[in-house]
Amino acid sequence: MDKLDTVFRCPFCSHASSVECRIDMKNLIGEASCQICQESLGTTVNSLTEAIDIYSEWIDECERVNYAEEVEDDET
């Protein structure tokens, strides 16, 4: 079985392999952060959370914000 990725492309600056995901199981906090542009996302985690889950949540949140901005622009 292949290992899941732990380093990803930044959705803001598009640098490859610049986003690192960290999981703090003691405090149940996960963070994805870009080493280049310093953008980041913090989220809650559980015992099943992997780095890809944190990164995917970040991408989903970016898409949600972009969609909301598009809808707002269409209404004006």
PDB file of N, CA and C in Angstrom:
ATOM      1  N   MET A   1       0.832  -1.173   0.000  1.00  0.00           N
ATOM      2  CA  MET A   1       0.000   0.000   0.000  1.00  0.00           C
ATOM      3  C   MET A   1       0.885   1.248   0.000  1.00  0.00           C
ATOM      4  N   ASP A   2       0.603   2.179  -0.912  1.00  0.00           N
ATOM      5  CA  ASP A   2       1.373   3.414  -1.016  1.00  0.00           C
ATOM      6  C   ASP A   2       1.054   4.351   0.138  1.00  0.00           C
ATOM      7  N   LYS A   3       2.073   5.104   0.573  1.00  0.00           N
ATOM      8  CA  LYS A   3       1.866   6.115   1.618  1.00  0.00           C
ATOM      9  C   LYS A   3       1.180   7.336   1.017  1.00  0.00           C
ATOM     10  N   LEU A   4       0.383   8.002   1.830  1.00  0.00           N
ATOM     11  CA  LEU A   4      -0.273   9.224   1.394  1.00  0.00           C
ATOM     12  C   LEU A   4       0.715  10.386   1.425  1.00  0.00           C
ATOM     13  N   ASP A   5       0.506  11.361   0.537  1.00  0.00           N
ATOM     14  CA  ASP A   5       1.358  12.549   0.505  1.00  0.00           C
ATOM     15  C   ASP A   5       1.254  13.324   1.815  1.00  0.00           C
ATOM     16  N   THR A   6       2.308  14.002   2.163  1.00  0.00           N
ATOM     17  CA  THR A   6       2.313  14.864   3.349  1.00  0.00           C
ATOM     18  C   THR A   6       2.745  16.292   3.003  1.00  0.00           C
ATOM     19  N   VAL A   7       3.201  16.521   1.778  1.00  0.00           N
ATOM     20  CA  VAL A   7       3.619  17.842   1.318  1.00  0.00           C
ATOM     21  C   VAL A   7       2.863  18.125   0.022  1.00  0.00           C
ATOM     22  N   PHE A   8       2.367  19.389  -0.126  1.00  0.00           N
ATOM     23  CA  PHE A   8       1.451  19.692  -1.214  1.00  0.00           C
ATOM     24  C   PHE A   8       1.756  21.036  -1.865  1.00  0.00           C
ATOM     25  N   ARG A   9       1.066  21.314  -2.978  1.00  0.00           N
ATOM     26  CA  ARG A   9       1.160  22.589  -3.700  1.00  0.00           C
ATOM     27  C   ARG A   9       0.280  23.620  -2.993  1.00  0.00           C
ATOM     28  N   CYS A  10       0.774  24.834  -2.871  1.00  0.00           N
ATOM     29  CA  CYS A  10       0.026  25.901  -2.211  1.00  0.00           C
ATOM     30  C   CYS A  10      -1.089  26.423  -3.127  1.00  0.00           C
ATOM     31  N   PRO A  11      -2.323  26.528  -2.605  1.00  0.00           N
ATOM     32  CA  PRO A  11      -3.412  27.054  -3.426  1.00  0.00           C
ATOM     33  C   PRO A  11      -3.334  28.572  -3.627  1.00  0.00           C
ATOM     34  N   PHE A  12      -2.451  29.252  -2.901  1.00  0.00           N
ATOM     35  CA  PHE A  12      -2.330  30.699  -3.022  1.00  0.00           C
ATOM     36  C   PHE A  12      -1.167  31.106  -3.919  1.00  0.00           C
ATOM     37  N   CYS A  13       0.022  30.590  -3.648  1.00  0.00           N
ATOM     38  CA  CYS A  13       1.195  30.997  -4.437  1.00  0.00           C
ATOM     39  C   CYS A  13       1.593  29.954  -5.484  1.00  0.00           C
ATOM     40  N   SER A  14       0.977  28.789  -5.462  1.00  0.00           N
ATOM     41  CA  SER A  14       1.186  27.715  -6.453  1.00  0.00           C
ATOM     42  C   SER A  14       2.571  27.082  -6.436  1.00  0.00           C
ATOM     43  N   HIS A  15       3.342  27.305  -5.393  1.00  0.00           N
ATOM     44  CA  HIS A  15       4.636  26.629  -5.293  1.00  0.00           C
ATOM     45  C   HIS A  15       4.415  25.153  -4.959  1.00  0.00           C
ATOM     46  N   ALA A  16       5.075  24.300  -5.707  1.00  0.00           N
ATOM     47  CA  ALA A  16       4.975  22.862  -5.470  1.00  0.00           C
ATOM     48  C   ALA A  16       5.726  22.500  -4.196  1.00  0.00           C
ATOM     49  N   SER A  17       5.220  21.554  -3.490  1.00  0.00           N
ATOM     50  CA  SER A  17       5.870  21.015  -2.284  1.00  0.00           C
ATOM     51  C   SER A  17       6.182  22.069  -1.233  1.00  0.00           C
ATOM     52  N   SER A  18       5.341  23.103  -1.136  1.00  0.00           N
ATOM     53  CA  SER A  18       5.597  24.155  -0.150  1.00  0.00           C
ATOM     54  C   SER A  18       4.653  24.094   1.042  1.00  0.00           C
ATOM     55  N   VAL A  19       3.574  23.313   0.932  1.00  0.00           N
ATOM     56  CA  VAL A  19       2.615  23.208   2.030  1.00  0.00           C
ATOM     57  C   VAL A  19       2.899  21.951   2.837  1.00  0.00           C
ATOM     58  N   GLU A  20       3.097  22.159   4.115  1.00  0.00           N
ATOM     59  CA  GLU A  20       3.325  21.052   5.039  1.00  0.00           C
ATOM     60  C   GLU A  20       2.152  20.998   6.009  1.00  0.00           C
ATOM     61  N   CYS A  21       1.682  19.803   6.291  1.00  0.00           N
ATOM     62  CA  CYS A  21       0.578  19.618   7.226  1.00  0.00           C
ATOM     63  C   CYS A  21       1.101  18.989   8.508  1.00  0.00           C
ATOM     64  N   ARG A  22       0.706  19.593   9.630  1.00  0.00           N
ATOM     65  CA  ARG A  22       1.101  19.079  10.938  1.00  0.00           C
ATOM     66  C   ARG A  22      -0.145  18.714  11.727  1.00  0.00           C
ATOM     67  N   ILE A  23      -0.051  17.643  12.482  1.00  0.00           N
ATOM     68  CA  ILE A  23      -1.165  17.176  13.297  1.00  0.00           C
ATOM     69  C   ILE A  23      -0.714  17.083  14.749  1.00  0.00           C
ATOM     70  N   ASP A  24      -1.427  17.777  15.616  1.00  0.00           N
ATOM     71  CA  ASP A  24      -1.171  17.753  17.055  1.00  0.00           C
ATOM     72  C   ASP A  24      -2.315  16.962  17.697  1.00  0.00           C
ATOM     73  N   MET A  25      -2.085  15.658  17.896  1.00  0.00           N
ATOM     74  CA  MET A  25      -3.138  14.799  18.439  1.00  0.00           C
ATOM     75  C   MET A  25      -3.437  15.114  19.900  1.00  0.00           C
ATOM     76  N   LYS A  26      -2.473  15.649  20.626  1.00  0.00           N
ATOM     77  CA  LYS A  26      -2.706  15.984  22.028  1.00  0.00           C
ATOM     78  C   LYS A  26      -3.785  17.061  22.153  1.00  0.00           C
ATOM     79  N   ASN A  27      -3.728  18.059  21.281  1.00  0.00           N
ATOM     80  CA  ASN A  27      -4.685  19.167  21.307  1.00  0.00           C
ATOM     81  C   ASN A  27      -5.765  19.049  20.230  1.00  0.00           C
ATOM     82  N   LEU A  28      -5.698  17.975  19.419  1.00  0.00           N
ATOM     83  CA  LEU A  28      -6.665  17.716  18.339  1.00  0.00           C
ATOM     84  C   LEU A  28      -6.750  18.883  17.352  1.00  0.00           C
ATOM     85  N   ILE A  29      -5.562  19.384  16.972  1.00  0.00           N
ATOM     86  CA  ILE A  29      -5.472  20.493  16.030  1.00  0.00           C
ATOM     87  C   ILE A  29      -4.587  20.080  14.855  1.00  0.00           C
ATOM     88  N   GLY A  30      -5.022  20.446  13.661  1.00  0.00           N
ATOM     89  CA  GLY A  30      -4.215  20.231  12.468  1.00  0.00           C
ATOM     90  C   GLY A  30      -3.979  21.557  11.779  1.00  0.00           C
ATOM     91  N   GLU A  31      -2.824  21.691  11.127  1.00  0.00           N
ATOM     92  CA  GLU A  31      -2.513  22.924  10.418  1.00  0.00           C
ATOM     93  C   GLU A  31      -1.821  22.609   9.105  1.00  0.00           C
ATOM     94  N   ALA A  32      -2.275  23.280   8.060  1.00  0.00           N
ATOM     95  CA  ALA A  32      -1.593  23.251   6.767  1.00  0.00           C
ATOM     96  C   ALA A  32      -1.015  24.645   6.580  1.00  0.00           C
ATOM     97  N   SER A  33       0.270  24.736   6.277  1.00  0.00           N
ATOM     98  CA  SER A  33       0.884  26.050   6.098  1.00  0.00           C
ATOM     99  C   SER A  33       1.907  26.021   4.984  1.00  0.00           C
ATOM    100  N   CYS A  34       1.951  27.133   4.237  1.00  0.00           N
ATOM    101  CA  CYS A  34       2.894  27.281   3.128  1.00  0.00           C
ATOM    102  C   CYS A  34       4.175  27.911   3.646  1.00  0.00           C
ATOM    103  N   GLN A  35       5.291  27.302   3.317  1.00  0.00           N
ATOM    104  CA  GLN A  35       6.590  27.817   3.738  1.00  0.00           C
ATOM    105  C   GLN A  35       7.034  29.015   2.898  1.00  0.00           C
ATOM    106  N   ILE A  36       6.369  29.246   1.765  1.00  0.00           N
ATOM    107  CA  ILE A  36       6.741  30.340   0.872  1.00  0.00           C
ATOM    108  C   ILE A  36       5.942  31.613   1.174  1.00  0.00           C
ATOM    109  N   CYS A  37       4.607  31.529   1.107  1.00  0.00           N
ATOM    110  CA  CYS A  37       3.776  32.726   1.269  1.00  0.00           C
ATOM    111  C   CYS A  37       3.166  32.864   2.665  1.00  0.00           C
ATOM    112  N   GLN A  38       3.378  31.883   3.521  1.00  0.00           N
ATOM    113  CA  GLN A  38       2.936  31.915   4.914  1.00  0.00           C
ATOM    114  C   GLN A  38       1.422  31.800   5.105  1.00  0.00           C
ATOM    115  N   GLU A  39       0.654  31.504   4.043  1.00  0.00           N
ATOM    116  CA  GLU A  39      -0.786  31.258   4.213  1.00  0.00           C
ATOM    117  C   GLU A  39      -0.946  29.958   4.979  1.00  0.00           C
ATOM    118  N   SER A  40      -2.051  29.862   5.731  1.00  0.00           N
ATOM    119  CA  SER A  40      -2.256  28.638   6.507  1.00  0.00           C
ATOM    120  C   SER A  40      -3.725  28.433   6.823  1.00  0.00           C
ATOM    121  N   LEU A  41      -4.035  27.230   7.257  1.00  0.00           N
ATOM    122  CA  LEU A  41      -5.376  26.881   7.709  1.00  0.00           C
ATOM    123  C   LEU A  41      -5.238  25.987   8.928  1.00  0.00           C
ATOM    124  N   GLY A  42      -6.002  26.286   9.959  1.00  0.00           N
ATOM    125  CA  GLY A  42      -6.051  25.437  11.142  1.00  0.00           C
ATOM    126  C   GLY A  42      -7.411  24.769  11.219  1.00  0.00           C
ATOM    127  N   THR A  43      -7.447  23.562  11.724  1.00  0.00           N
ATOM    128  CA  THR A  43      -8.696  22.821  11.809  1.00  0.00           C
ATOM    129  C   THR A  43      -8.631  21.806  12.944  1.00  0.00           C
ATOM    130  N   THR A  44      -9.762  21.259  13.294  1.00  0.00           N
ATOM    131  CA  THR A  44      -9.783  20.202  14.302  1.00  0.00           C
ATOM    132  C   THR A  44      -9.527  18.865  13.627  1.00  0.00           C
ATOM    133  N   VAL A  45      -8.946  17.948  14.369  1.00  0.00           N
ATOM    134  CA  VAL A  45      -8.625  16.619  13.834  1.00  0.00           C
ATOM    135  C   VAL A  45      -9.150  15.547  14.787  1.00  0.00           C
ATOM    136  N   ASN A  46      -9.124  14.317  14.300  1.00  0.00           N
ATOM    137  CA  ASN A  46      -9.444  13.169  15.143  1.00  0.00           C
ATOM    138  C   ASN A  46      -8.408  12.079  14.876  1.00  0.00           C
ATOM    139  N   SER A  47      -8.590  10.938  15.479  1.00  0.00           N
ATOM    140  CA  SER A  47      -7.586   9.877  15.387  1.00  0.00           C
ATOM    141  C   SER A  47      -7.420   9.312  13.974  1.00  0.00           C
ATOM    142  N   LEU A  48      -8.367   9.570  13.092  1.00  0.00           N
ATOM    143  CA  LEU A  48      -8.291   9.061  11.724  1.00  0.00           C
ATOM    144  C   LEU A  48      -7.743  10.084  10.729  1.00  0.00           C
ATOM    145  N   THR A  49      -7.530  11.296  11.165  1.00  0.00           N
ATOM    146  CA  THR A  49      -7.094  12.376  10.278  1.00  0.00           C
ATOM    147  C   THR A  49      -5.675  12.146   9.773  1.00  0.00           C
ATOM    148  N   GLU A  50      -5.495  12.362   8.470  1.00  0.00           N
ATOM    149  CA  GLU A  50      -4.186  12.306   7.818  1.00  0.00           C
ATOM    150  C   GLU A  50      -3.900  13.686   7.220  1.00  0.00           C
ATOM    151  N   ALA A  51      -2.675  13.917   6.827  1.00  0.00           N
ATOM    152  CA  ALA A  51      -2.275  15.202   6.242  1.00  0.00           C
ATOM    153  C   ALA A  51      -3.135  15.557   5.033  1.00  0.00           C
ATOM    154  N   ILE A  52      -3.450  14.588   4.202  1.00  0.00           N
ATOM    155  CA  ILE A  52      -4.261  14.842   3.003  1.00  0.00           C
ATOM    156  C   ILE A  52      -5.646  15.358   3.377  1.00  0.00           C
ATOM    157  N   ASP A  53      -6.166  14.948   4.521  1.00  0.00           N
ATOM    158  CA  ASP A  53      -7.481  15.416   4.972  1.00  0.00           C
ATOM    159  C   ASP A  53      -7.440  16.911   5.306  1.00  0.00           C
ATOM    160  N   ILE A  54      -6.373  17.337   5.947  1.00  0.00           N
ATOM    161  CA  ILE A  54      -6.217  18.753   6.297  1.00  0.00           C
ATOM    162  C   ILE A  54      -6.063  19.588   5.032  1.00  0.00           C
ATOM    163  N   TYR A  55      -5.220  19.125   4.116  1.00  0.00           N
ATOM    164  CA  TYR A  55      -5.012  19.841   2.861  1.00  0.00           C
ATOM    165  C   TYR A  55      -6.320  19.898   2.063  1.00  0.00           C
ATOM    166  N   SER A  56      -7.046  18.805   2.001  1.00  0.00           N
ATOM    167  CA  SER A  56      -8.313  18.779   1.266  1.00  0.00           C
ATOM    168  C   SER A  56      -9.325  19.742   1.865  1.00  0.00           C
ATOM    169  N   GLU A  57      -9.340  19.847   3.180  1.00  0.00           N
ATOM    170  CA  GLU A  57     -10.237  20.798   3.832  1.00  0.00           C
ATOM    171  C   GLU A  57      -9.855  22.233   3.458  1.00  0.00           C
ATOM    172  N   TRP A  58      -8.557  22.507   3.356  1.00  0.00           N
ATOM    173  CA  TRP A  58      -8.088  23.827   2.952  1.00  0.00           C
ATOM    174  C   TRP A  58      -8.551  24.151   1.529  1.00  0.00           C
ATOM    175  N   ILE A  59      -8.387  23.201   0.628  1.00  0.00           N
ATOM    176  CA  ILE A  59      -8.815  23.397  -0.758  1.00  0.00           C
ATOM    177  C   ILE A  59     -10.324  23.607  -0.815  1.00  0.00           C
ATOM    178  N   ASP A  60     -11.085  22.816  -0.068  1.00  0.00           N
ATOM    179  CA  ASP A  60     -12.538  22.968  -0.031  1.00  0.00           C
ATOM    180  C   ASP A  60     -12.935  24.351   0.476  1.00  0.00           C
ATOM    181  N   GLU A  61     -12.244  24.839   1.500  1.00  0.00           N
ATOM    182  CA  GLU A  61     -12.542  26.167   2.054  1.00  0.00           C
ATOM    183  C   GLU A  61     -12.209  27.259   1.037  1.00  0.00           C
ATOM    184  N   CYS A  62     -11.112  27.118   0.311  1.00  0.00           N
ATOM    185  CA  CYS A  62     -10.766  28.080  -0.739  1.00  0.00           C
ATOM    186  C   CYS A  62     -11.853  28.116  -1.811  1.00  0.00           C
ATOM    187  N   GLU A  63     -12.326  26.944  -2.227  1.00  0.00           N
ATOM    188  CA  GLU A  63     -13.373  26.878  -3.236  1.00  0.00           C
ATOM    189  C   GLU A  63     -14.668  27.486  -2.722  1.00  0.00           C
ATOM    190  N   ARG A  64     -14.992  27.251  -1.441  1.00  0.00           N
ATOM    191  CA  ARG A  64     -16.213  27.799  -0.856  1.00  0.00           C
ATOM    192  C   ARG A  64     -16.154  29.331  -0.849  1.00  0.00           C
ATOM    193  N   VAL A  65     -15.022  29.890  -0.444  1.00  0.00           N
ATOM    194  CA  VAL A  65     -14.863  31.344  -0.402  1.00  0.00           C
ATOM    195  C   VAL A  65     -14.915  31.923  -1.816  1.00  0.00           C
ATOM    196  N   ASN A  66     -14.239  31.286  -2.755  1.00  0.00           N
ATOM    197  CA  ASN A  66     -14.249  31.784  -4.131  1.00  0.00           C
ATOM    198  C   ASN A  66     -15.653  31.737  -4.723  1.00  0.00           C
ATOM    199  N   TYR A  67     -16.403  30.684  -4.432  1.00  0.00           N
ATOM    200  CA  TYR A  67     -17.772  30.564  -4.940  1.00  0.00           C
ATOM    201  C   TYR A  67     -18.653  31.660  -4.341  1.00  0.00           C
ATOM    202  N   ALA A  68     -18.515  31.913  -3.043  1.00  0.00           N
ATOM    203  CA  ALA A  68     -19.302  32.951  -2.379  1.00  0.00           C
ATOM    204  C   ALA A  68     -18.998  34.317  -2.980  1.00  0.00           C
ATOM    205  N   GLU A  69     -17.739  34.582  -3.301  1.00  0.00           N
ATOM    206  CA  GLU A  69     -17.364  35.854  -3.924  1.00  0.00           C
ATOM    207  C   GLU A  69     -17.955  35.974  -5.325  1.00  0.00           C
ATOM    208  N   GLU A  70     -17.981  34.868  -6.084  1.00  0.00           N
ATOM    209  CA  GLU A  70     -18.562  34.885  -7.423  1.00  0.00           C
ATOM    210  C   GLU A  70     -20.049  35.180  -7.358  1.00  0.00           C
ATOM    211  N   VAL A  71     -20.757  34.559  -6.425  1.00  0.00           N
ATOM    212  CA  VAL A  71     -22.186  34.787  -6.266  1.00  0.00           C
ATOM    213  C   VAL A  71     -22.446  36.227  -5.878  1.00  0.00           C
ATOM    214  N   GLU A  72     -21.629  36.752  -4.971  1.00  0.00           N
ATOM    215  CA  GLU A  72     -21.771  38.147  -4.547  1.00  0.00           C
ATOM    216  C   GLU A  72     -21.545  39.095  -5.716  1.00  0.00           C
ATOM    217  N   ASP A  73     -20.541  38.817  -6.551  1.00  0.00           N
ATOM    218  CA  ASP A  73     -20.263  39.657  -7.712  1.00  0.00           C
ATOM    219  C   ASP A  73     -21.412  39.602  -8.714  1.00  0.00           C
ATOM    220  N   ASP A  74     -22.035  38.441  -8.889  1.00  0.00           N
ATOM    221  CA  ASP A  74     -23.153  38.286  -9.814  1.00  0.00           C
ATOM    222  C   ASP A  74     -24.389  39.048  -9.346  1.00  0.00           C
ATOM    223  N   GLU A  75     -24.520  39.217  -8.036  1.00  0.00           N
ATOM    224  CA  GLU A  75     -25.687  39.900  -7.489  1.00  0.00           C
ATOM    225  C   GLU A  75     -25.568  41.418  -7.581  1.00  0.00           C
ATOM    226  N   THR A  76     -24.358  41.922  -7.791  1.00  0.00           N
ATOM    227  CA  THR A  76     -24.195  43.378  -7.851  1.00  0.00           C
ATOM    228  C   THR A  76     -24.207  43.898  -9.254  1.00  0.00           C
TER     229      THR A  76
END
